[in-house]
Amino acid sequence: MFFGFSTFTISSFGGTVALGALVSATLLFAMLSNLLLLPSMLLSLERSIANERTFKKLPIPIIHKDGDDEQE
């Protein structure tokens, strides 16, 4: 998509050139941030938020059809 919108920059109409440059720069920045920042952010959140204690006890008790609560 980046290369598709960057072809608008060779247009003779100024609005199309500006649109192509702006959208191309936005898409390039979004792609690079997804490839570089997102994995490191997910790894840091994994250590601090999603640990084993978080999922050990359910916040809401599960009641089965026979009426027994699931207690762990």
Protein backbone atom coordinates (compact mmCIF):
# COMPACT_ATOMS: atom_id res chain seq x y z
CA MET A 1 0.00 0.00 0.00
CA PHE A 2 2.90 2.31 0.74
CA PHE A 3 4.20 2.02 -2.81
CA GLY A 4 0.71 2.38 -4.27
CA PHE A 5 0.07 5.67 -2.51
CA SER A 6 3.59 6.89 -3.20
CA THR A 7 2.80 6.82 -6.92
CA PHE A 8 0.43 9.73 -6.28
CA THR A 9 3.47 11.94 -5.65
CA ILE A 10 4.31 11.99 -9.38
CA SER A 11 0.95 13.58 -10.22
CA SER A 12 0.71 17.10 -11.63
CA PHE A 13 -2.14 18.08 -9.26
CA GLY A 14 -0.92 19.48 -5.94
CA GLY A 15 -3.70 17.94 -3.84
CA THR A 16 -2.96 14.48 -5.10
CA VAL A 17 0.76 14.94 -4.46
CA ALA A 18 0.08 16.07 -0.89
CA LEU A 19 -2.34 13.18 -0.31
CA GLY A 20 0.16 10.65 -1.65
CA ALA A 21 3.00 12.01 0.47
CA LEU A 22 0.93 12.18 3.64
CA VAL A 23 -0.66 8.75 3.32
CA SER A 24 2.63 7.14 2.27
CA ALA A 25 4.49 8.62 5.23
CA THR A 26 1.71 7.52 7.59
CA LEU A 27 1.67 3.98 6.25
CA LEU A 28 5.46 3.72 6.40
CA PHE A 29 5.52 4.95 10.01
CA ALA A 30 2.71 2.56 10.97
CA MET A 31 4.45 -0.41 9.35
CA LEU A 32 7.78 0.33 11.03
CA SER A 33 6.18 0.85 14.43
CA ASN A 34 4.25 -2.41 14.09
CA LEU A 35 7.39 -4.30 13.15
CA LEU A 36 9.74 -2.73 15.71
CA LEU A 37 7.75 -1.43 18.68
CA LEU A 38 4.83 -3.82 18.98
CA PRO A 39 6.84 -7.01 19.72
CA SER A 40 8.89 -5.33 22.43
CA MET A 41 5.78 -3.80 23.99
CA LEU A 42 4.00 -7.16 24.03
CA LEU A 43 6.98 -8.85 25.66
CA SER A 44 7.19 -6.22 28.39
CA LEU A 45 3.45 -6.45 29.05
CA GLU A 46 3.68 -10.23 29.19
CA ARG A 47 6.09 -10.05 32.10
CA SER A 48 4.19 -7.45 34.09
CA ILE A 49 0.50 -8.13 33.44
CA ALA A 50 -0.11 -11.59 32.06
CA ASN A 51 1.61 -13.83 34.55
CA GLU A 52 0.46 -17.11 36.07
CA ARG A 53 -1.18 -15.47 39.11
CA THR A 54 -3.48 -13.48 36.86
CA PHE A 55 -5.13 -16.55 35.38
CA LYS A 56 -5.06 -18.82 38.44
CA LYS A 57 -8.45 -17.79 39.87
CA LEU A 58 -11.39 -16.77 37.72
CA PRO A 59 -13.02 -13.47 38.68
CA ILE A 60 -16.52 -14.96 38.21
CA PRO A 61 -17.46 -18.45 39.45
CA ILE A 62 -18.59 -20.81 36.71
CA ILE A 63 -21.89 -22.54 37.48
CA HIS A 64 -22.54 -25.74 35.58
CA LYS A 65 -25.99 -27.05 34.60
CA ASP A 66 -26.13 -29.37 37.62
CA GLY A 67 -25.68 -26.38 39.97
CA ASP A 68 -22.14 -27.12 41.19
CA ASP A 69 -19.68 -24.24 41.33
CA GLU A 70 -16.21 -24.73 39.91
CA GLN A 71 -13.81 -24.00 42.76
CA GLU A 72 -10.08 -24.21 42.24
